[in-house]
């Protein structure tokens, strides 16, 4: 499914205190769906896990709000809510992943040598967003979801059947035990 990019002039959007809200199907995010499909294709002993993943891919809900403060700085506030399904790395079963994300961006033309810009980049409260006449909102949402996903997701509770390898292998260091003198 091909989705056209959702482009905004982020400075004008913030100046007008505009708001953009909606739902996008998961297929709108090519890199994210590719990542989830590669997770689903991981060797699973439960064939229903991949089936559950493909059936439970809901839409991504978002709200983008522009703002300009009293000193003329432009901000974007982004809220993302979605329910994804990944593979638990402990039991290799399907694992729901609920994401409720909030981001605050300061928009501006920033020079790499600008001291204030480096202060903002080190801040946990604000991210820096380059001023753009054609900022792709879908790409921004997709980037934030991908970065928020855990690298190795595991269930919070105990997993059902844990997959383990046979313990019949000989210890490779057992030979060294005979070298120790009492």
Protein backbone atom coordinates (compact mmCIF):
# COMPACT_ATOMS: atom_id res chain seq x y z
CA UNK A 1 0.00 0.00 0.00
CA UNK A 2 1.45 3.34 -1.02
CA UNK A 3 0.74 6.32 1.17
CA UNK A 4 1.59 9.84 0.15
CA UNK A 5 3.76 11.78 2.57
CA UNK A 6 2.04 14.23 4.87
CA UNK A 7 4.09 17.41 4.43
CA UNK A 8 3.82 20.56 6.53
CA UNK A 9 5.72 23.84 6.80
CA UNK A 10 6.64 23.30 10.44
CA UNK A 11 7.36 26.96 11.25
CA UNK A 12 4.07 28.18 9.76
CA UNK A 13 2.28 25.28 11.47
CA UNK A 14 3.69 26.37 14.84
CA UNK A 15 3.03 30.09 14.23
CA UNK A 16 -0.64 29.40 13.55
CA UNK A 17 -0.92 27.03 16.54
CA UNK A 18 -2.34 24.43 14.18
CA UNK A 19 -3.35 20.95 15.22
CA UNK A 20 -3.21 17.82 13.12
CA UNK A 21 -4.73 14.59 14.43
CA UNK A 22 -5.61 11.32 12.84
CA UNK A 23 -5.12 7.62 12.41
CA UNK A 24 -2.80 6.05 9.89
CA UNK A 25 -2.86 2.39 8.93
CA UNK A 26 0.28 0.49 9.85
CA UNK A 27 0.94 -0.06 6.13
CA UNK A 28 1.68 3.69 5.89
CA UNK A 29 4.99 3.00 7.63
CA UNK A 30 7.11 0.92 5.25
CA UNK A 31 10.18 0.61 7.49
CA UNK A 32 8.12 -0.22 10.58
CA UNK A 33 6.04 -2.89 8.83
CA UNK A 34 9.23 -4.36 7.37
CA UNK A 35 10.70 -4.50 10.87
CA UNK A 36 7.60 -6.17 12.29
CA UNK A 37 7.54 -8.65 9.41
CA UNK A 38 11.18 -9.53 10.00
CA UNK A 39 10.32 -10.03 13.68
CA UNK A 40 7.43 -12.27 12.64
CA UNK A 41 9.68 -14.32 10.36
CA UNK A 42 12.07 -15.09 13.22
CA UNK A 43 12.10 -18.82 13.83
CA UNK A 44 9.02 -19.49 15.90
CA UNK A 45 7.88 -22.83 17.16
CA UNK A 46 4.38 -21.44 17.48
CA UNK A 47 2.92 -20.93 14.00
CA UNK A 48 0.03 -18.98 15.55
CA UNK A 49 2.47 -16.26 16.71
CA UNK A 50 3.13 -15.01 13.18
CA UNK A 51 -0.58 -15.29 12.42
CA UNK A 52 -1.44 -13.21 15.51
CA UNK A 53 1.09 -10.57 14.52
CA UNK A 54 -0.35 -10.14 11.03
CA UNK A 55 -3.92 -9.91 12.38
CA UNK A 56 -3.29 -7.55 15.28
CA UNK A 57 -1.61 -4.62 13.51
CA UNK A 58 -3.92 -1.67 14.28
CA UNK A 59 -3.63 1.89 13.17
CA UNK A 60 -1.26 4.47 14.60
CA UNK A 61 -3.06 7.36 16.27
CA UNK A 62 -1.28 10.71 16.45
CA UNK A 63 -1.77 14.34 17.45
CA UNK A 64 0.63 17.04 16.27
CA UNK A 65 0.20 20.47 17.87
CA UNK A 66 2.08 23.62 16.92
CA UNK A 67 2.90 26.39 19.37
CA UNK A 68 4.76 29.69 19.46
CA UNK A 69 5.78 31.07 22.84
CA UNK A 70 6.00 34.71 24.00
CA UNK A 71 9.61 35.12 22.81
CA UNK A 72 8.80 33.79 19.34
CA UNK A 73 10.24 30.29 19.62
CA UNK A 74 8.35 27.67 17.63
CA UNK A 75 7.46 24.27 19.04
CA UNK A 76 5.81 21.07 17.91
CA UNK A 77 4.23 18.60 20.35
CA UNK A 78 3.66 15.07 19.07
CA UNK A 79 1.65 12.34 20.80
CA UNK A 80 1.60 8.82 19.34
CA UNK A 81 -0.51 5.87 20.49
CA UNK A 82 -0.41 2.41 18.95
CA UNK A 83 -0.61 -1.26 19.78
CA UNK A 84 1.92 -3.45 17.99
CA UNK A 85 2.74 -7.10 18.27
CA UNK A 86 6.34 -8.29 18.43
CA UNK A 87 8.07 -11.55 19.31
CA UNK A 88 9.20 -12.19 22.89
CA UNK A 89 12.91 -12.97 22.80
CA UNK A 90 12.61 -15.32 25.77
CA UNK A 91 9.76 -17.63 24.73
CA UNK A 92 9.54 -16.69 21.01
CA UNK A 93 5.78 -16.19 21.33
CA UNK A 94 3.68 -13.25 20.20
CA UNK A 95 3.95 -10.28 22.53
CA UNK A 96 1.70 -7.19 22.48
CA UNK A 97 3.52 -3.88 22.69
CA UNK A 98 1.53 -0.77 23.65
CA UNK A 99 3.26 2.52 22.87
CA UNK A 100 2.09 5.87 24.29
CA UNK A 101 4.73 8.36 23.25
CA UNK A 102 5.04 12.13 23.71
CA UNK A 103 7.66 14.37 22.12
CA UNK A 104 8.40 18.09 22.23
CA UNK A 105 10.42 19.71 19.46
CA UNK A 106 11.97 23.16 19.21
CA UNK A 107 11.98 24.28 15.58
CA UNK A 108 14.73 26.47 14.24
CA UNK A 109 17.54 27.07 11.83
CA UNK A 110 20.48 25.76 13.76
CA UNK A 111 24.16 26.11 13.09
CA UNK A 112 26.30 23.20 14.25
CA UNK A 113 28.57 25.61 16.13
CA UNK A 114 25.67 27.30 17.93
CA UNK A 115 26.15 26.89 21.69
CA UNK A 116 22.43 27.07 22.49
CA UNK A 117 21.70 24.33 19.97
CA UNK A 118 24.15 21.98 21.69
CA UNK A 119 22.45 22.73 25.03
CA UNK A 120 19.07 21.77 23.55
CA UNK A 121 20.43 18.57 21.99
CA UNK A 122 21.61 17.47 25.45
CA UNK A 123 18.21 18.19 26.98
CA UNK A 124 15.70 15.46 27.73
CA UNK A 125 12.77 17.89 27.55
CA UNK A 126 13.14 19.10 23.96
CA UNK A 127 14.39 17.67 20.70
CA UNK A 128 15.65 19.93 17.97
CA UNK A 129 13.74 19.90 14.68
CA UNK A 130 15.20 21.67 11.65
CA UNK A 131 12.91 24.32 10.15
CA UNK A 132 11.44 22.93 6.96
CA UNK A 133 8.92 23.97 4.36
CA UNK A 134 8.15 20.28 3.73
CA UNK A 135 8.55 18.30 6.93
CA UNK A 136 7.23 14.76 6.46
CA UNK A 137 4.99 14.03 9.46
CA UNK A 138 4.61 10.32 8.60
CA UNK A 139 8.40 9.87 8.50
CA UNK A 140 8.74 11.68 11.85
CA UNK A 141 6.10 9.43 13.46
CA UNK A 142 7.72 6.31 12.00
CA UNK A 143 11.18 7.33 13.21
CA UNK A 144 9.92 7.91 16.75
CA UNK A 145 8.08 4.57 16.90
CA UNK A 146 11.10 2.63 15.62
CA UNK A 147 13.41 4.31 18.13
CA UNK A 148 10.97 3.63 20.98
CA UNK A 149 10.67 -0.09 20.26
CA UNK A 150 12.72 -2.34 22.55
CA UNK A 151 15.69 -4.07 20.94
CA UNK A 152 14.94 -7.39 22.63
CA UNK A 153 11.35 -7.39 23.90
CA UNK A 154 10.40 -9.86 26.61
CA UNK A 155 7.16 -10.50 28.48
CA UNK A 156 6.85 -8.78 31.85
CA UNK A 157 5.38 -11.92 33.37
CA UNK A 158 6.86 -15.38 33.17
CA UNK A 159 6.70 -16.72 29.65
CA UNK A 160 4.82 -19.91 28.87
CA UNK A 161 7.14 -22.55 27.47
CA UNK A 162 10.71 -21.36 27.44
CA UNK A 163 12.71 -22.70 24.55
CA UNK A 164 16.08 -24.03 25.60
CA UNK A 165 18.84 -26.08 24.07
CA UNK A 166 19.74 -29.55 25.21
CA UNK A 167 22.07 -29.65 28.20
CA UNK A 168 23.79 -32.85 27.03
CA UNK A 169 26.84 -31.03 25.66
CA UNK A 170 30.17 -31.68 27.33
CA UNK A 171 31.78 -28.82 29.17
CA UNK A 172 34.75 -27.69 27.01
CA UNK A 173 36.68 -26.71 30.16
CA UNK A 174 36.36 -30.13 31.82
CA UNK A 175 39.78 -31.12 30.38
CA UNK A 176 41.41 -28.26 32.29
CA UNK A 177 40.09 -29.58 35.62
CA UNK A 178 42.61 -32.43 35.47
CA UNK A 179 45.49 -29.93 35.22
CA UNK A 180 44.82 -28.43 38.64
CA UNK A 181 47.17 -29.87 41.29
CA UNK A 182 45.73 -30.29 44.81
